[in-house]
Amino acid sequence: MATVEDFRRVALALPRSTEHLIRDRVKFRVGSIVYLAFSRDESTFGFAYPKLERDALVEAEPTKFFPPDKVDERYQWVQAWTAAVDAAEAREIVVEAWRMVVPKKVSKDY
């Protein structure tokens, strides 16, 4: 099971990534764009994910991933249960979400 510390370690090592506490929620951003955010109790998290691929991800692993709230469906975003993700998968999730929001010239060098 991954912890918020596992996600934090990866996210803060990425270029241009910063951590913020917004309304008692831990969020990671590149500039003003949030690419990873935890619920207040840290039991769930949301991350940048291609909207067109979201339904397939949720259908493939419904015990791990779930769609965003109705008001956030228009965004490229999906959610997951923190306890359902291991540390290796957390790293992959963070890096791929970061790649969606960072300039391409930065991500290609990573």
PDB file of N, CA and C in Angstrom:
ATOM      1  N   MET A   1       0.841  -1.184   0.000  1.00  0.00           N
ATOM      2  CA  MET A   1       0.000   0.000   0.000  1.00  0.00           C
ATOM      3  C   MET A   1       0.885   1.247   0.000  1.00  0.00           C
ATOM      4  N   ALA A   2       0.611   2.145  -0.906  1.00  0.00           N
ATOM      5  CA  ALA A   2       1.364   3.395  -0.999  1.00  0.00           C
ATOM      6  C   ALA A   2       0.850   4.384   0.045  1.00  0.00           C
ATOM      7  N   THR A   3       1.730   5.248   0.480  1.00  0.00           N
ATOM      8  CA  THR A   3       1.355   6.309   1.408  1.00  0.00           C
ATOM      9  C   THR A   3       1.508   7.653   0.716  1.00  0.00           C
ATOM     10  N   VAL A   4       0.990   8.679   1.326  1.00  0.00           N
ATOM     11  CA  VAL A   4       1.144  10.022   0.764  1.00  0.00           C
ATOM     12  C   VAL A   4       2.629  10.358   0.648  1.00  0.00           C
ATOM     13  N   GLU A   5       3.438   9.869   1.587  1.00  0.00           N
ATOM     14  CA  GLU A   5       4.882  10.100   1.523  1.00  0.00           C
ATOM     15  C   GLU A   5       5.498   9.497   0.265  1.00  0.00           C
ATOM     16  N   ASP A   6       5.018   8.333  -0.163  1.00  0.00           N
ATOM     17  CA  ASP A   6       5.511   7.721  -1.399  1.00  0.00           C
ATOM     18  C   ASP A   6       5.224   8.629  -2.592  1.00  0.00           C
ATOM     19  N   PHE A   7       4.013   9.146  -2.652  1.00  0.00           N
ATOM     20  CA  PHE A   7       3.636  10.061  -3.739  1.00  0.00           C
ATOM     21  C   PHE A   7       4.465  11.343  -3.658  1.00  0.00           C
ATOM     22  N   ARG A   8       4.597  11.883  -2.454  1.00  0.00           N
ATOM     23  CA  ARG A   8       5.328  13.139  -2.237  1.00  0.00           C
ATOM     24  C   ARG A   8       6.776  13.016  -2.699  1.00  0.00           C
ATOM     25  N   ARG A   9       7.428  11.925  -2.331  1.00  0.00           N
ATOM     26  CA  ARG A   9       8.831  11.707  -2.686  1.00  0.00           C
ATOM     27  C   ARG A   9       9.023  11.779  -4.203  1.00  0.00           C
ATOM     28  N   VAL A  10       8.128  11.163  -4.936  1.00  0.00           N
ATOM     29  CA  VAL A  10       8.224  11.165  -6.397  1.00  0.00           C
ATOM     30  C   VAL A  10       7.889  12.547  -6.947  1.00  0.00           C
ATOM     31  N   ALA A  11       6.787  13.117  -6.505  1.00  0.00           N
ATOM     32  CA  ALA A  11       6.318  14.392  -7.051  1.00  0.00           C
ATOM     33  C   ALA A  11       7.317  15.525  -6.831  1.00  0.00           C
ATOM     34  N   LEU A  12       7.893  15.603  -5.654  1.00  0.00           N
ATOM     35  CA  LEU A  12       8.804  16.707  -5.369  1.00  0.00           C
ATOM     36  C   LEU A  12      10.160  16.554  -6.052  1.00  0.00           C
ATOM     37  N   ALA A  13      10.451  15.371  -6.567  1.00  0.00           N
ATOM     38  CA  ALA A  13      11.686  15.167  -7.324  1.00  0.00           C
ATOM     39  C   ALA A  13      11.535  15.567  -8.792  1.00  0.00           C
ATOM     40  N   LEU A  14      10.311  15.816  -9.230  1.00  0.00           N
ATOM     41  CA  LEU A  14      10.053  16.168 -10.624  1.00  0.00           C
ATOM     42  C   LEU A  14      10.258  17.663 -10.853  1.00  0.00           C
ATOM     43  N   PRO A  15      10.854  18.025 -11.995  1.00  0.00           N
ATOM     44  CA  PRO A  15      11.054  19.441 -12.302  1.00  0.00           C
ATOM     45  C   PRO A  15       9.743  20.228 -12.315  1.00  0.00           C
ATOM     46  N   ARG A  16       9.781  21.405 -11.737  1.00  0.00           N
ATOM     47  CA  ARG A  16       8.671  22.361 -11.693  1.00  0.00           C
ATOM     48  C   ARG A  16       7.496  21.936 -10.814  1.00  0.00           C
ATOM     49  N   SER A  17       7.595  20.815 -10.143  1.00  0.00           N
ATOM     50  CA  SER A  17       6.504  20.327  -9.295  1.00  0.00           C
ATOM     51  C   SER A  17       6.614  20.938  -7.905  1.00  0.00           C
ATOM     52  N   THR A  18       5.467  21.413  -7.396  1.00  0.00           N
ATOM     53  CA  THR A  18       5.435  21.998  -6.055  1.00  0.00           C
ATOM     54  C   THR A  18       4.254  21.425  -5.277  1.00  0.00           C
ATOM     55  N   GLU A  19       4.403  21.419  -3.963  1.00  0.00           N
ATOM     56  CA  GLU A  19       3.346  20.925  -3.084  1.00  0.00           C
ATOM     57  C   GLU A  19       2.633  22.099  -2.444  1.00  0.00           C
ATOM     58  N   HIS A  20       1.320  21.973  -2.304  1.00  0.00           N
ATOM     59  CA  HIS A  20       0.513  23.026  -1.693  1.00  0.00           C
ATOM     60  C   HIS A  20      -0.538  22.399  -0.793  1.00  0.00           C
ATOM     61  N   LEU A  21      -0.889  23.102   0.263  1.00  0.00           N
ATOM     62  CA  LEU A  21      -1.980  22.701   1.135  1.00  0.00           C
ATOM     63  C   LEU A  21      -3.121  23.686   0.871  1.00  0.00           C
ATOM     64  N   ILE A  22      -4.177  23.199   0.235  1.00  0.00           N
ATOM     65  CA  ILE A  22      -5.299  24.041  -0.157  1.00  0.00           C
ATOM     66  C   ILE A  22      -6.569  23.466   0.460  1.00  0.00           C
ATOM     67  N   ARG A  23      -7.197  24.263   1.320  1.00  0.00           N
ATOM     68  CA  ARG A  23      -8.400  23.819   2.039  1.00  0.00           C
ATOM     69  C   ARG A  23      -8.187  22.460   2.704  1.00  0.00           C
ATOM     70  N   ASP A  24      -7.087  22.332   3.405  1.00  0.00           N
ATOM     71  CA  ASP A  24      -6.727  21.110   4.138  1.00  0.00           C
ATOM     72  C   ASP A  24      -6.506  19.895   3.241  1.00  0.00           C
ATOM     73  N   ARG A  25      -6.203  20.125   1.970  1.00  0.00           N
ATOM     74  CA  ARG A  25      -5.936  19.029   1.049  1.00  0.00           C
ATOM     75  C   ARG A  25      -4.551  19.201   0.443  1.00  0.00           C
ATOM     76  N   VAL A  26      -3.777  18.118   0.414  1.00  0.00           N
ATOM     77  CA  VAL A  26      -2.454  18.134  -0.197  1.00  0.00           C
ATOM     78  C   VAL A  26      -2.624  18.060  -1.708  1.00  0.00           C
ATOM     79  N   LYS A  27      -1.997  19.008  -2.406  1.00  0.00           N
ATOM     80  CA  LYS A  27      -2.071  19.038  -3.867  1.00  0.00           C
ATOM     81  C   LYS A  27      -0.685  19.291  -4.432  1.00  0.00           C
ATOM     82  N   PHE A  28      -0.436  18.732  -5.600  1.00  0.00           N
ATOM     83  CA  PHE A  28       0.821  18.940  -6.302  1.00  0.00           C
ATOM     84  C   PHE A  28       0.506  19.609  -7.629  1.00  0.00           C
ATOM     85  N   ARG A  29       1.303  20.639  -7.936  1.00  0.00           N
ATOM     86  CA  ARG A  29       1.031  21.443  -9.122  1.00  0.00           C
ATOM     87  C   ARG A  29       2.297  21.686  -9.924  1.00  0.00           C
ATOM     88  N   VAL A  30       2.077  22.002 -11.179  1.00  0.00           N
ATOM     89  CA  VAL A  30       3.092  22.582 -12.053  1.00  0.00           C
ATOM     90  C   VAL A  30       2.511  23.930 -12.427  1.00  0.00           C
ATOM     91  N   GLY A  31       3.144  24.996 -11.950  1.00  0.00           N
ATOM     92  CA  GLY A  31       2.561  26.320 -12.121  1.00  0.00           C
ATOM     93  C   GLY A  31       1.243  26.368 -11.370  1.00  0.00           C
ATOM     94  N   SER A  32       0.170  26.689 -12.070  1.00  0.00           N
ATOM     95  CA  SER A  32      -1.141  26.746 -11.426  1.00  0.00           C
ATOM     96  C   SER A  32      -1.996  25.507 -11.711  1.00  0.00           C
ATOM     97  N   ILE A  33      -1.435  24.547 -12.418  1.00  0.00           N
ATOM     98  CA  ILE A  33      -2.196  23.357 -12.810  1.00  0.00           C
ATOM     99  C   ILE A  33      -1.969  22.219 -11.824  1.00  0.00           C
ATOM    100  N   VAL A  34      -3.039  21.764 -11.205  1.00  0.00           N
ATOM    101  CA  VAL A  34      -2.978  20.645 -10.260  1.00  0.00           C
ATOM    102  C   VAL A  34      -2.954  19.346 -11.059  1.00  0.00           C
ATOM    103  N   TYR A  35      -2.005  18.476 -10.724  1.00  0.00           N
ATOM    104  CA  TYR A  35      -1.960  17.177 -11.394  1.00  0.00           C
ATOM    105  C   TYR A  35      -2.136  16.000 -10.429  1.00  0.00           C
ATOM    106  N   LEU A  36      -2.132  16.279  -9.131  1.00  0.00           N
ATOM    107  CA  LEU A  36      -2.327  15.238  -8.132  1.00  0.00           C
ATOM    108  C   LEU A  36      -2.894  15.884  -6.879  1.00  0.00           C
ATOM    109  N   ALA A  37      -3.979  15.327  -6.341  1.00  0.00           N
ATOM    110  CA  ALA A  37      -4.614  15.904  -5.148  1.00  0.00           C
ATOM    111  C   ALA A  37      -5.191  14.799  -4.280  1.00  0.00           C
ATOM    112  N   PHE A  38      -5.014  14.934  -2.982  1.00  0.00           N
ATOM    113  CA  PHE A  38      -5.521  13.957  -2.020  1.00  0.00           C
ATOM    114  C   PHE A  38      -6.758  14.485  -1.315  1.00  0.00           C
ATOM    115  N   SER A  39      -7.624  13.563  -0.905  1.00  0.00           N
ATOM    116  CA  SER A  39      -8.772  13.950  -0.093  1.00  0.00           C
ATOM    117  C   SER A  39      -8.263  14.391   1.278  1.00  0.00           C
ATOM    118  N   ARG A  40      -9.115  15.049   2.045  1.00  0.00           N
ATOM    119  CA  ARG A  40      -8.698  15.531   3.369  1.00  0.00           C
ATOM    120  C   ARG A  40      -8.180  14.407   4.262  1.00  0.00           C
ATOM    121  N   ASP A  41      -8.834  13.247   4.206  1.00  0.00           N
ATOM    122  CA  ASP A  41      -8.398  12.123   5.037  1.00  0.00           C
ATOM    123  C   ASP A  41      -7.348  11.246   4.344  1.00  0.00           C
ATOM    124  N   GLU A  42      -6.960  11.618   3.143  1.00  0.00           N
ATOM    125  CA  GLU A  42      -5.931  10.957   2.337  1.00  0.00           C
ATOM    126  C   GLU A  42      -6.287   9.523   1.959  1.00  0.00           C
ATOM    127  N   SER A  43      -7.566   9.172   2.046  1.00  0.00           N
ATOM    128  CA  SER A  43      -7.990   7.827   1.669  1.00  0.00           C
ATOM    129  C   SER A  43      -8.172   7.694   0.158  1.00  0.00           C
ATOM    130  N   THR A  44      -8.376   8.813  -0.530  1.00  0.00           N
ATOM    131  CA  THR A  44      -8.503   8.812  -1.985  1.00  0.00           C
ATOM    132  C   THR A  44      -7.635   9.920  -2.560  1.00  0.00           C
ATOM    133  N   PHE A  45      -7.358   9.800  -3.841  1.00  0.00           N
ATOM    134  CA  PHE A  45      -6.620  10.850  -4.531  1.00  0.00           C
ATOM    135  C   PHE A  45      -7.100  10.925  -5.970  1.00  0.00           C
ATOM    136  N   GLY A  46      -6.932  12.089  -6.562  1.00  0.00           N
ATOM    137  CA  GLY A  46      -7.262  12.291  -7.955  1.00  0.00           C
ATOM    138  C   GLY A  46      -5.996  12.691  -8.690  1.00  0.00           C
ATOM    139  N   PHE A  47      -5.968  12.402  -9.975  1.00  0.00           N
ATOM    140  CA  PHE A  47      -4.775  12.739 -10.752  1.00  0.00           C
ATOM    141  C   PHE A  47      -5.137  12.985 -12.211  1.00  0.00           C
ATOM    142  N   ALA A  48      -4.265  13.735 -12.877  1.00  0.00           N
ATOM    143  CA  ALA A  48      -4.466  14.038 -14.290  1.00  0.00           C
ATOM    144  C   ALA A  48      -4.409  12.737 -15.086  1.00  0.00           C
ATOM    145  N   TYR A  49      -5.415  12.570 -15.952  1.00  0.00           N
ATOM    146  CA  TYR A  49      -5.512  11.358 -16.751  1.00  0.00           C
ATOM    147  C   TYR A  49      -6.351  11.695 -17.987  1.00  0.00           C
ATOM    148  N   PRO A  50      -5.980  11.179 -19.154  1.00  0.00           N
ATOM    149  CA  PRO A  50      -6.728  11.512 -20.370  1.00  0.00           C
ATOM    150  C   PRO A  50      -8.217  11.157 -20.254  1.00  0.00           C
ATOM    151  N   LYS A  51      -9.052  12.135 -20.501  1.00  0.00           N
ATOM    152  CA  LYS A  51     -10.496  11.958 -20.378  1.00  0.00           C
ATOM    153  C   LYS A  51     -11.013  10.832 -21.275  1.00  0.00           C
ATOM    154  N   LEU A  52     -10.461  10.718 -22.470  1.00  0.00           N
ATOM    155  CA  LEU A  52     -10.935   9.702 -23.407  1.00  0.00           C
ATOM    156  C   LEU A  52     -10.579   8.284 -22.973  1.00  0.00           C
ATOM    157  N   GLU A  53      -9.604   8.130 -22.095  1.00  0.00           N
ATOM    158  CA  GLU A  53      -9.186   6.810 -21.623  1.00  0.00           C
ATOM    159  C   GLU A  53      -9.717   6.489 -20.225  1.00  0.00           C
ATOM    160  N   ARG A  54     -10.354   7.457 -19.590  1.00  0.00           N
ATOM    161  CA  ARG A  54     -10.800   7.318 -18.201  1.00  0.00           C
ATOM    162  C   ARG A  54     -11.776   6.153 -18.002  1.00  0.00           C
ATOM    163  N   ASP A  55     -12.800   6.056 -18.826  1.00  0.00           N
ATOM    164  CA  ASP A  55     -13.802   5.000 -18.662  1.00  0.00           C
ATOM    165  C   ASP A  55     -13.178   3.610 -18.754  1.00  0.00           C
ATOM    166  N   ALA A  56     -12.232   3.439 -19.672  1.00  0.00           N
ATOM    167  CA  ALA A  56     -11.582   2.134 -19.827  1.00  0.00           C
ATOM    168  C   ALA A  56     -10.771   1.787 -18.577  1.00  0.00           C
ATOM    169  N   LEU A  57     -10.097   2.765 -17.994  1.00  0.00           N
ATOM    170  CA  LEU A  57      -9.317   2.526 -16.773  1.00  0.00           C
ATOM    171  C   LEU A  57     -10.232   2.117 -15.623  1.00  0.00           C
ATOM    172  N   VAL A  58     -11.321   2.846 -15.450  1.00  0.00           N
ATOM    173  CA  VAL A  58     -12.262   2.557 -14.361  1.00  0.00           C
ATOM    174  C   VAL A  58     -12.895   1.179 -14.554  1.00  0.00           C
ATOM    175  N   GLU A  59     -13.263   0.854 -15.780  1.00  0.00           N
ATOM    176  CA  GLU A  59     -13.870  -0.448 -16.054  1.00  0.00           C
ATOM    177  C   GLU A  59     -12.876  -1.590 -15.855  1.00  0.00           C
ATOM    178  N   ALA A  60     -11.614  -1.361 -16.191  1.00  0.00           N
ATOM    179  CA  ALA A  60     -10.594  -2.405 -16.066  1.00  0.00           C
ATOM    180  C   ALA A  60     -10.264  -2.715 -14.616  1.00  0.00           C
ATOM    181  N   GLU A  61     -10.262  -1.694 -13.759  1.00  0.00           N
ATOM    182  CA  GLU A  61      -9.911  -1.893 -12.349  1.00  0.00           C
ATOM    183  C   GLU A  61     -10.845  -1.094 -11.437  1.00  0.00           C
ATOM    184  N   PRO A  62     -12.111  -1.506 -11.356  1.00  0.00           N
ATOM    185  CA  PRO A  62     -13.091  -0.739 -10.575  1.00  0.00           C
ATOM    186  C   PRO A  62     -12.858  -0.760  -9.066  1.00  0.00           C
ATOM    187  N   THR A  63     -12.055  -1.692  -8.586  1.00  0.00           N
ATOM    188  CA  THR A  63     -11.755  -1.713  -7.148  1.00  0.00           C
ATOM    189  C   THR A  63     -10.625  -0.761  -6.791  1.00  0.00           C
ATOM    190  N   LYS A  64      -9.982  -0.197  -7.811  1.00  0.00           N
ATOM    191  CA  LYS A  64      -8.870   0.720  -7.590  1.00  0.00           C
ATOM    192  C   LYS A  64      -9.199   2.142  -8.042  1.00  0.00           C
ATOM    193  N   PHE A  65      -9.806   2.278  -9.206  1.00  0.00           N
ATOM    194  CA  PHE A  65     -10.067   3.590  -9.797  1.00  0.00           C
ATOM    195  C   PHE A  65     -11.564   3.881  -9.863  1.00  0.00           C
ATOM    196  N   PHE A  66     -11.905   5.163  -9.802  1.00  0.00           N
ATOM    197  CA  PHE A  66     -13.298   5.572  -9.960  1.00  0.00           C
ATOM    198  C   PHE A  66     -13.340   6.945 -10.614  1.00  0.00           C
ATOM    199  N   PRO A  67     -14.457   7.257 -11.285  1.00  0.00           N
ATOM    200  CA  PRO A  67     -14.547   8.514 -12.022  1.00  0.00           C
ATOM    201  C   PRO A  67     -14.579   9.721 -11.077  1.00  0.00           C
ATOM    202  N   PRO A  68     -14.266  10.890 -11.619  1.00  0.00           N
ATOM    203  CA  PRO A  68     -14.338  12.100 -10.797  1.00  0.00           C
ATOM    204  C   PRO A  68     -15.787  12.443 -10.465  1.00  0.00           C
ATOM    205  N   ASP A  69     -15.961  13.346  -9.521  1.00  0.00           N
ATOM    206  CA  ASP A  69     -17.301  13.828  -9.190  1.00  0.00           C
ATOM    207  C   ASP A  69     -17.929  14.448 -10.432  1.00  0.00           C
ATOM    208  N   LYS A  70     -19.241  14.493 -10.481  1.00  0.00           N
ATOM    209  CA  LYS A  70     -19.963  15.020 -11.650  1.00  0.00           C
ATOM    210  C   LYS A  70     -19.449  16.389 -12.093  1.00  0.00           C
ATOM    211  N   VAL A  71     -19.193  17.268 -11.139  1.00  0.00           N
ATOM    212  CA  VAL A  71     -18.754  18.623 -11.499  1.00  0.00           C
ATOM    213  C   VAL A  71     -17.360  18.636 -12.117  1.00  0.00           C
ATOM    214  N   ASP A  72     -16.584  17.565 -11.924  1.00  0.00           N
ATOM    215  CA  ASP A  72     -15.218  17.503 -12.457  1.00  0.00           C
ATOM    216  C   ASP A  72     -15.071  16.603 -13.673  1.00  0.00           C
ATOM    217  N   GLU A  73     -16.177  16.063 -14.173  1.00  0.00           N
ATOM    218  CA  GLU A  73     -16.104  15.162 -15.321  1.00  0.00           C
ATOM    219  C   GLU A  73     -15.551  15.829 -16.576  1.00  0.00           C
ATOM    220  N   ARG A  74     -15.674  17.119 -16.672  1.00  0.00           N
ATOM    221  CA  ARG A  74     -15.188  17.817 -17.871  1.00  0.00           C
ATOM    222  C   ARG A  74     -13.664  17.906 -17.909  1.00  0.00           C
ATOM    223  N   TYR A  75     -13.022  17.651 -16.769  1.00  0.00           N
ATOM    224  CA  TYR A  75     -11.566  17.734 -16.694  1.00  0.00           C
ATOM    225  C   TYR A  75     -10.917  16.389 -17.012  1.00  0.00           C
ATOM    226  N   GLN A  76      -9.652  16.430 -17.355  1.00  0.00           N
ATOM    227  CA  GLN A  76      -8.876  15.220 -17.580  1.00  0.00           C
ATOM    228  C   GLN A  76      -8.417  14.729 -16.206  1.00  0.00           C
ATOM    229  N   TRP A  77      -9.267  13.963 -15.556  1.00  0.00           N
ATOM    230  CA  TRP A  77      -9.071  13.619 -14.155  1.00  0.00           C
ATOM    231  C   TRP A  77      -9.719  12.284 -13.854  1.00  0.00           C
ATOM    232  N   VAL A  78      -9.101  11.512 -12.985  1.00  0.00           N
ATOM    233  CA  VAL A  78      -9.667  10.260 -12.486  1.00  0.00           C
ATOM    234  C   VAL A  78      -9.244  10.148 -11.024  1.00  0.00           C
ATOM    235  N   GLN A  79      -9.931   9.298 -10.269  1.00  0.00           N
ATOM    236  CA  GLN A  79      -9.633   9.150  -8.850  1.00  0.00           C
ATOM    237  C   GLN A  79      -9.312   7.693  -8.521  1.00  0.00           C
ATOM    238  N   ALA A  80      -8.670   7.515  -7.358  1.00  0.00           N
ATOM    239  CA  ALA A  80      -8.306   6.167  -6.916  1.00  0.00           C
ATOM    240  C   ALA A  80      -8.305   6.114  -5.398  1.00  0.00           C
ATOM    241  N   TRP A  81      -8.411   4.890  -4.877  1.00  0.00           N
ATOM    242  CA  TRP A  81      -8.288   4.675  -3.444  1.00  0.00           C
ATOM    243  C   TRP A  81      -6.812   4.516  -3.128  1.00  0.00           C
ATOM    244  N   THR A  82      -6.307   5.295  -2.206  1.00  0.00           N
ATOM    245  CA  THR A  82      -4.884   5.286  -1.864  1.00  0.00           C
ATOM    246  C   THR A  82      -4.439   3.890  -1.431  1.00  0.00           C
ATOM    247  N   ALA A  83      -5.217   3.205  -0.643  1.00  0.00           N
ATOM    248  CA  ALA A  83      -4.850   1.884  -0.130  1.00  0.00           C
ATOM    249  C   ALA A  83      -4.755   0.821  -1.224  1.00  0.00           C
ATOM    250  N   ALA A  84      -5.350   1.072  -2.371  1.00  0.00           N
ATOM    251  CA  ALA A  84      -5.357   0.084  -3.449  1.00  0.00           C
ATOM    252  C   ALA A  84      -4.136   0.183  -4.359  1.00  0.00           C
ATOM    253  N   VAL A  85      -3.292   1.168  -4.122  1.00  0.00           N
ATOM    254  CA  VAL A  85      -2.134   1.420  -4.989  1.00  0.00           C
ATOM    255  C   VAL A  85      -0.857   1.086  -4.222  1.00  0.00           C
ATOM    256  N   ASP A  86       0.074   0.384  -4.877  1.00  0.00           N
ATOM    257  CA  ASP A  86       1.358   0.117  -4.221  1.00  0.00           C
ATOM    258  C   ASP A  86       2.367   1.205  -4.606  1.00  0.00           C
ATOM    259  N   ALA A  87       3.516   1.194  -3.986  1.00  0.00           N
ATOM    260  CA  ALA A  87       4.506   2.259  -4.181  1.00  0.00           C
ATOM    261  C   ALA A  87       4.988   2.359  -5.628  1.00  0.00           C
ATOM    262  N   ALA A  88       5.183   1.234  -6.290  1.00  0.00           N
ATOM    263  CA  ALA A  88       5.638   1.253  -7.683  1.00  0.00           C
ATOM    264  C   ALA A  88       4.580   1.873  -8.596  1.00  0.00           C
ATOM    265  N   GLU A  89       3.335   1.510  -8.369  1.00  0.00           N
ATOM    266  CA  GLU A  89       2.255   2.074  -9.177  1.00  0.00           C
ATOM    267  C   GLU A  89       2.067   3.560  -8.867  1.00  0.00           C
ATOM    268  N   ALA A  90       2.280   3.947  -7.616  1.00  0.00           N
ATOM    269  CA  ALA A  90       2.186   5.362  -7.243  1.00  0.00           C
ATOM    270  C   ALA A  90       3.188   6.172  -8.042  1.00  0.00           C
ATOM    271  N   ARG A  91       4.393   5.662  -8.171  1.00  0.00           N
ATOM    272  CA  ARG A  91       5.424   6.364  -8.948  1.00  0.00           C
ATOM    273  C   ARG A  91       4.981   6.548 -10.401  1.00  0.00           C
ATOM    274  N   GLU A  92       4.466   5.494 -10.992  1.00  0.00           N
ATOM    275  CA  GLU A  92       4.007   5.556 -12.385  1.00  0.00           C
ATOM    276  C   GLU A  92       2.865   6.570 -12.543  1.00  0.00           C
ATOM    277  N   ILE A  93       1.921   6.553 -11.628  1.00  0.00           N
ATOM    278  CA  ILE A  93       0.781   7.476 -11.673  1.00  0.00           C
ATOM    279  C   ILE A  93       1.265   8.916 -11.593  1.00  0.00           C
ATOM    280  N   VAL A  94       2.141   9.193 -10.645  1.00  0.00           N
ATOM    281  CA  VAL A  94       2.629  10.563 -10.460  1.00  0.00           C
ATOM    282  C   VAL A  94       3.372  11.052 -11.699  1.00  0.00           C
ATOM    283  N   VAL A  95       4.279  10.252 -12.205  1.00  0.00           N
ATOM    284  CA  VAL A  95       5.082  10.676 -13.367  1.00  0.00           C
ATOM    285  C   VAL A  95       4.200  10.903 -14.590  1.00  0.00           C
ATOM    286  N   GLU A  96       3.257  10.010 -14.843  1.00  0.00           N
ATOM    287  CA  GLU A  96       2.392  10.169 -16.015  1.00  0.00           C
ATOM    288  C   GLU A  96       1.452  11.368 -15.868  1.00  0.00           C
ATOM    289  N   ALA A  97       0.939  11.601 -14.678  1.00  0.00           N
ATOM    290  CA  ALA A  97       0.079  12.767 -14.447  1.00  0.00           C
ATOM    291  C   ALA A  97       0.886  14.049 -14.623  1.00  0.00           C
ATOM    292  N   TRP A  98       2.097  14.071 -14.097  1.00  0.00           N
ATOM    293  CA  TRP A  98       2.988  15.230 -14.240  1.00  0.00           C
ATOM    294  C   TRP A  98       3.279  15.504 -15.716  1.00  0.00           C
ATOM    295  N   ARG A  99       3.524  14.451 -16.487  1.00  0.00           N
ATOM    296  CA  ARG A  99       3.812  14.618 -17.926  1.00  0.00           C
ATOM    297  C   ARG A  99       2.655  15.275 -18.676  1.00  0.00           C
ATOM    298  N   MET A 100       1.444  15.090 -18.185  1.00  0.00           N
ATOM    299  CA  MET A 100       0.289  15.696 -18.850  1.00  0.00           C
ATOM    300  C   MET A 100       0.256  17.216 -18.693  1.00  0.00           C
ATOM    301  N   VAL A 101       0.883  17.743 -17.651  1.00  0.00           N
ATOM    302  CA  VAL A 101       0.740  19.175 -17.369  1.00  0.00           C
ATOM    303  C   VAL A 101       2.027  19.974 -17.540  1.00  0.00           C
ATOM    304  N   VAL A 102       3.155  19.307 -17.574  1.00  0.00           N
ATOM    305  CA  VAL A 102       4.425  20.017 -17.708  1.00  0.00           C
ATOM    306  C   VAL A 102       4.705  20.257 -19.196  1.00  0.00           C
ATOM    307  N   PRO A 103       5.416  21.328 -19.546  1.00  0.00           N
ATOM    308  CA  PRO A 103       5.764  21.531 -20.963  1.00  0.00           C
ATOM    309  C   PRO A 103       6.513  20.318 -21.522  1.00  0.00           C
ATOM    310  N   LYS A 104       6.233  19.998 -22.771  1.00  0.00           N
ATOM    311  CA  LYS A 104       6.828  18.809 -23.409  1.00  0.00           C
ATOM    312  C   LYS A 104       8.341  18.845 -23.390  1.00  0.00           C
ATOM    313  N   LYS A 105       8.933  20.006 -23.528  1.00  0.00           N
ATOM    314  CA  LYS A 105      10.402  20.089 -23.530  1.00  0.00           C
ATOM    315  C   LYS A 105      10.975  19.711 -22.165  1.00  0.00           C
ATOM    316  N   VAL A 106      10.208  19.888 -21.110  1.00  0.00           N
ATOM    317  CA  VAL A 106      10.663  19.481 -19.771  1.00  0.00           C
ATOM    318  C   VAL A 106      10.494  17.974 -19.595  1.00  0.00           C
ATOM    319  N   SER A 107       9.357  17.443 -20.015  1.00  0.00           N
ATOM    320  CA  SER A 107       9.092  16.013 -19.802  1.00  0.00           C
ATOM    321  C   SER A 107       9.978  15.135 -20.668  1.00  0.00           C
ATOM    322  N   LYS A 108      10.354  15.595 -21.839  1.00  0.00           N
ATOM    323  CA  LYS A 108      11.187  14.740 -22.703  1.00  0.00           C
ATOM    324  C   LYS A 108      12.585  14.570 -22.129  1.00  0.00           C
ATOM    325  N   ASP A 109      13.043  15.509 -21.335  1.00  0.00           N
ATOM    326  CA  ASP A 109      14.361  15.404 -20.711  1.00  0.00           C
ATOM    327  C   ASP A 109      14.339  14.547 -19.462  1.00  0.00           C
ATOM    328  N   TYR A 110      13.147  14.230 -18.979  1.00  0.00           N
ATOM    329  CA  TYR A 110      13.071  13.450 -17.751  1.00  0.00           C
ATOM    330  C   TYR A 110      13.157  11.973 -18.038  1.00  0.00           C
TER     331      TYR A 110
END
